[in-house]
Amino acid sequence: MAQHPEVYRVWLLAARSEHDTTDRKLFVGRYWYGYPFNQLAEAYGMTPNAVSLRLHRVRLNLRAHLEERGYRI
């Protein structure tokens, strides 16, 4: 996904109402800044597994959101 910055823009615009602030921050931290799971987990008081699970759910939602708008992932 890093090769498609428009994907980030579309998701971030849609995410304002669809995702909580922590999910958005985790997504940007991981996929924009490249922070490792353990660093994100420590910053947000979660386990690395919880971060991974939340990001997985966000990616699924992102995929559905983009496919509804005609993007092929």
Protein backbone atom coordinates (compact mmCIF):
# COMPACT_ATOMS: atom_id res chain seq x y z
CA MET A 1 0.00 0.00 0.00
CA ALA A 2 2.91 2.36 0.52
CA GLN A 3 3.12 2.80 -3.25
CA HIS A 4 -0.37 4.32 -3.38
CA PRO A 5 -0.51 7.52 -1.31
CA GLU A 6 -4.01 8.20 -2.63
CA VAL A 7 -5.19 5.14 -0.70
CA TYR A 8 -4.04 6.79 2.52
CA ARG A 9 -5.76 10.05 1.61
CA VAL A 10 -9.06 8.33 0.81
CA TRP A 11 -8.92 6.26 3.98
CA LEU A 12 -7.98 9.16 6.23
CA LEU A 13 -10.87 11.23 4.87
CA ALA A 14 -13.30 8.36 5.40
CA ALA A 15 -11.84 7.39 8.75
CA ARG A 16 -12.81 10.62 10.44
CA SER A 17 -16.20 9.23 11.28
CA GLU A 18 -15.69 5.49 10.83
CA HIS A 19 -12.70 4.82 13.09
CA ASP A 20 -11.70 6.02 16.48
CA THR A 21 -8.70 8.25 16.98
CA THR A 22 -6.48 5.44 18.25
CA ASP A 23 -7.09 3.33 15.15
CA ARG A 24 -6.19 6.26 12.91
CA LYS A 25 -3.05 6.98 14.90
CA LEU A 26 -2.01 3.32 14.85
CA PHE A 27 -2.58 3.15 11.09
CA VAL A 28 -0.57 6.28 10.37
CA GLY A 29 2.13 5.30 12.85
CA ARG A 30 2.57 1.89 11.31
CA TYR A 31 2.07 2.53 7.59
CA TRP A 32 3.20 6.12 7.18
CA TYR A 33 5.99 6.36 9.74
CA GLY A 34 6.89 2.67 9.86
CA TYR A 35 6.85 2.29 13.64
CA PRO A 36 7.14 -1.33 14.81
CA PHE A 37 4.25 -3.00 16.64
CA ASN A 38 6.06 -3.02 19.97
CA GLN A 39 6.72 0.73 19.84
CA LEU A 40 3.09 1.46 19.00
CA ALA A 41 1.94 -0.91 21.72
CA GLU A 42 4.04 0.83 24.32
CA ALA A 43 2.91 4.29 23.21
CA TYR A 44 -0.79 3.37 23.40
CA GLY A 45 -0.70 1.05 26.42
CA MET A 46 -1.52 -2.11 24.45
CA THR A 47 0.12 -5.40 23.72
CA PRO A 48 1.79 -5.84 20.32
CA ASN A 49 -0.85 -8.49 19.57
CA ALA A 50 -3.66 -5.99 20.28
CA VAL A 51 -2.03 -3.47 17.93
CA SER A 52 -1.73 -6.13 15.24
CA LEU A 53 -5.36 -7.14 15.63
CA ARG A 54 -6.62 -3.54 15.50
CA LEU A 55 -4.56 -2.84 12.39
CA HIS A 56 -5.86 -6.00 10.77
CA ARG A 57 -9.44 -4.84 11.36
CA VAL A 58 -8.64 -1.36 10.04
CA ARG A 59 -7.10 -2.85 6.88
CA LEU A 60 -10.20 -4.99 6.30
CA ASN A 61 -12.38 -1.93 6.71
CA LEU A 62 -10.13 0.10 4.43
CA ARG A 63 -10.27 -2.56 1.75
CA ALA A 64 -14.08 -2.69 1.88
CA HIS A 65 -14.29 1.11 1.83
CA LEU A 66 -12.03 1.38 -1.21
CA GLU A 67 -13.71 -1.47 -3.10
CA GLU A 68 -17.10 0.20 -2.57
CA ARG A 69 -15.66 3.24 -4.31
CA GLY A 70 -14.27 1.31 -7.27
CA TYR A 71 -10.64 0.82 -6.19
CA ARG A 72 -9.21 -2.63 -6.84
CA ILE A 73 -6.88 -3.84 -4.10
